[in-house]
C-alpha atoms as a PDB file:
ATOM      1  CA  UNK A   1      91.501 107.764 117.006  1.00  0.00           C
ATOM      2  CA  UNK A   2      94.566 107.285 114.802  1.00  0.00           C
ATOM      3  CA  UNK A   3      94.925 109.738 111.937  1.00  0.00           C
ATOM      4  CA  UNK A   4      94.682 108.144 108.504  1.00  0.00           C
ATOM      5  CA  UNK A   5      96.262 109.837 105.506  1.00  0.00           C
ATOM      6  CA  UNK A   6      95.836 109.316 101.773  1.00  0.00           C
ATOM      7  CA  UNK A   7      97.786 109.842  98.590  1.00  0.00           C
ATOM      8  CA  UNK A   8      95.225 110.911  95.985  1.00  0.00           C
ATOM      9  CA  UNK A   9      95.925 110.691  92.258  1.00  0.00           C
ATOM     10  CA  UNK A  10      94.162 113.230  90.045  1.00  0.00           C
ATOM     11  CA  UNK A  11      94.841 113.697  86.339  1.00  0.00           C
ATOM     12  CA  UNK A  12      94.207 117.066  84.689  1.00  0.00           C
ATOM     13  CA  UNK A  13      94.065 118.130  81.045  1.00  0.00           C
ATOM     14  CA  UNK A  14      97.248 120.212  81.362  1.00  0.00           C
ATOM     15  CA  UNK A  15      99.696 121.844  83.757  1.00  0.00           C
ATOM     16  CA  UNK A  16      97.618 125.032  84.048  1.00  0.00           C
ATOM     17  CA  UNK A  17      94.549 123.139  85.225  1.00  0.00           C
ATOM     18  CA  UNK A  18      96.658 121.045  87.600  1.00  0.00           C
ATOM     19  CA  UNK A  19      98.187 124.197  89.086  1.00  0.00           C
ATOM     20  CA  UNK A  20      94.787 125.872  89.503  1.00  0.00           C
ATOM     21  CA  UNK A  21      93.289 122.832  91.233  1.00  0.00           C
ATOM     22  CA  UNK A  22      96.318 122.247  93.466  1.00  0.00           C
ATOM     23  CA  UNK A  23      96.456 125.856  94.655  1.00  0.00           C
ATOM     24  CA  UNK A  24      92.775 125.816  95.622  1.00  0.00           C
ATOM     25  CA  UNK A  25      93.055 122.489  97.447  1.00  0.00           C
ATOM     26  CA  UNK A  26      96.033 123.691  99.500  1.00  0.00           C
ATOM     27  CA  UNK A  27      94.595 127.153 100.143  1.00  0.00           C
ATOM     28  CA  UNK A  28      91.322 125.599 101.346  1.00  0.00           C
ATOM     29  CA  UNK A  29      93.318 123.171 103.548  1.00  0.00           C
ATOM     30  CA  UNK A  30      91.840 120.116 101.860  1.00  0.00           C
ATOM     31  CA  UNK A  31      95.391 119.080 100.941  1.00  0.00           C
ATOM     32  CA  UNK A  32      98.624 119.507 102.876  1.00  0.00           C
ATOM     33  CA  UNK A  33     100.715 119.243  99.732  1.00  0.00           C
ATOM     34  CA  UNK A  34     100.220 118.644  96.020  1.00  0.00           C
ATOM     35  CA  UNK A  35     102.992 117.579  93.654  1.00  0.00           C
ATOM     36  CA  UNK A  36     102.446 118.043  89.938  1.00  0.00           C
ATOM     37  CA  UNK A  37     104.009 115.716  87.397  1.00  0.00           C
ATOM     38  CA  UNK A  38     103.633 117.929  84.321  1.00  0.00           C
ATOM     39  CA  UNK A  39     103.456 115.275  81.628  1.00  0.00           C
ATOM     40  CA  UNK A  40     102.032 111.758  81.749  1.00  0.00           C
ATOM     41  CA  UNK A  41     100.803 109.754  78.780  1.00  0.00           C
ATOM     42  CA  UNK A  42      97.381 108.227  79.391  1.00  0.00           C
ATOM     43  CA  UNK A  43      95.551 105.506  77.468  1.00  0.00           C
ATOM     44  CA  UNK A  44      91.931 104.794  78.396  1.00  0.00           C
ATOM     45  CA  UNK A  45      88.489 103.841  77.113  1.00  0.00           C
ATOM     46  CA  UNK A  46      86.084 106.765  76.780  1.00  0.00           C
ATOM     47  CA  UNK A  47      82.622 106.377  75.274  1.00  0.00           C
ATOM     48  CA  UNK A  48      83.578 103.054  73.727  1.00  0.00           C
ATOM     49  CA  UNK A  49      86.777 104.249  72.050  1.00  0.00           C
ATOM     50  CA  UNK A  50      90.417 103.891  72.983  1.00  0.00           C
ATOM     51  CA  UNK A  51      91.800 107.356  73.663  1.00  0.00           C
ATOM     52  CA  UNK A  52      95.332 108.627  74.227  1.00  0.00           C
ATOM     53  CA  UNK A  53      96.242 111.951  75.744  1.00  0.00           C
ATOM     54  CA  UNK A  54      98.980 113.824  77.511  1.00  0.00           C
ATOM     55  CA  UNK A  55      97.891 114.995  80.941  1.00  0.00           C
ATOM     56  CA  UNK A  56      99.313 116.384  84.171  1.00  0.00           C
ATOM     57  CA  UNK A  57      99.226 114.229  87.301  1.00  0.00           C
ATOM     58  CA  UNK A  58      98.529 115.638  90.745  1.00  0.00           C
ATOM     59  CA  UNK A  59      99.784 113.723  93.790  1.00  0.00           C
ATOM     60  CA  UNK A  60      97.666 115.035  96.642  1.00  0.00           C
ATOM     61  CA  UNK A  61      98.232 114.339 100.342  1.00  0.00           C
ATOM     62  CA  UNK A  62      95.190 114.571 102.616  1.00  0.00           C
ATOM     63  CA  UNK A  63      93.524 113.040 105.665  1.00  0.00           C
ATOM     64  CA  UNK A  64      90.603 110.683 106.065  1.00  0.00           C
ATOM     65  CA  UNK A  65      88.394 113.429 107.457  1.00  0.00           C
ATOM     66  CA  UNK A  66      89.114 115.744 104.491  1.00  0.00           C
ATOM     67  CA  UNK A  67      88.950 113.125 101.729  1.00  0.00           C
ATOM     68  CA  UNK A  68      85.225 113.402 100.948  1.00  0.00           C
ATOM     69  CA  UNK A  69      85.380 117.194 100.736  1.00  0.00           C
ATOM     70  CA  UNK A  70      88.525 116.996  98.598  1.00  0.00           C
ATOM     71  CA  UNK A  71      86.866 114.629  96.110  1.00  0.00           C
ATOM     72  CA  UNK A  72      83.780 116.866  95.881  1.00  0.00           C
ATOM     73  CA  UNK A  73      85.955 119.957  95.365  1.00  0.00           C
ATOM     74  CA  UNK A  74      88.037 118.313  92.619  1.00  0.00           C
ATOM     75  CA  UNK A  75      84.851 117.255  90.833  1.00  0.00           C
ATOM     76  CA  UNK A  76      83.579 120.848  90.974  1.00  0.00           C
ATOM     77  CA  UNK A  77      86.858 122.462  89.844  1.00  0.00           C
ATOM     78  CA  UNK A  78      87.758 119.937  87.141  1.00  0.00           C
ATOM     79  CA  UNK A  79      87.044 120.345  83.427  1.00  0.00           C
ATOM     80  CA  UNK A  80      86.451 116.601  82.817  1.00  0.00           C
ATOM     81  CA  UNK A  81      82.991 115.036  83.027  1.00  0.00           C
ATOM     82  CA  UNK A  82      84.520 112.147  84.991  1.00  0.00           C
ATOM     83  CA  UNK A  83      87.775 113.240  86.635  1.00  0.00           C
ATOM     84  CA  UNK A  84      90.154 110.586  87.882  1.00  0.00           C
ATOM     85  CA  UNK A  85      90.299 110.781  91.678  1.00  0.00           C
ATOM     86  CA  UNK A  86      91.860 107.686  93.261  1.00  0.00           C
ATOM     87  CA  UNK A  87      92.795 107.613  96.952  1.00  0.00           C
ATOM     88  CA  UNK A  88      95.347 105.167  98.318  1.00  0.00           C
ATOM     89  CA  UNK A  89      95.971 104.914 102.051  1.00  0.00           C
ATOM     90  CA  UNK A  90      99.428 105.896 103.243  1.00  0.00           C
ATOM     91  CA  UNK A  91     100.493 102.937 105.361  1.00  0.00           C
ATOM     92  CA  UNK A  92     103.632 104.445 106.804  1.00  0.00           C
ATOM     93  CA  UNK A  93     105.902 107.425 106.466  1.00  0.00           C
ATOM     94  CA  UNK A  94     108.512 109.356 108.375  1.00  0.00           C
ATOM     95  CA  UNK A  95     107.150 110.469 111.724  1.00  0.00           C
ATOM     96  CA  UNK A  96     108.175 114.066 111.084  1.00  0.00           C
ATOM     97  CA  UNK A  97     106.363 114.132 107.739  1.00  0.00           C
ATOM     98  CA  UNK A  98     103.233 112.470 109.133  1.00  0.00           C
ATOM     99  CA  UNK A  99     103.157 115.034 111.972  1.00  0.00           C
ATOM    100  CA  UNK A 100     103.545 117.812 109.432  1.00  0.00           C
ATOM    101  CA  UNK A 101     100.606 116.418 107.403  1.00  0.00           C
ATOM    102  CA  UNK A 102      98.397 116.429 110.484  1.00  0.00           C
ATOM    103  CA  UNK A 103      99.405 119.981 111.439  1.00  0.00           C
ATOM    104  CA  UNK A 104      98.996 121.300 107.893  1.00  0.00           C
ATOM    105  CA  UNK A 105      95.488 119.930 107.510  1.00  0.00           C
ATOM    106  CA  UNK A 106      94.364 121.481 110.785  1.00  0.00           C
END
């Protein structure tokens, strides 16, 4: 079986929440790496109203076999009622990095 990896986007209310979530995901080996973009401007519909907020964005790297557990863990750790968790398959990457992902996720 070929290993499949994902880049998962998660927004958080602020940098502190993003840091807390990312550290738990990496420590629990649900993510090999998490990058935090500390400030993104979001516009969205929530409960029928257009909302705008400044959030932090987590870029999470994980595997197919860990994805379900990662999503469940984010939903448990997150302060939002409906956290954004979007997984995009990683089609290609450097062989060294892809090997490192596999090794890091165990």
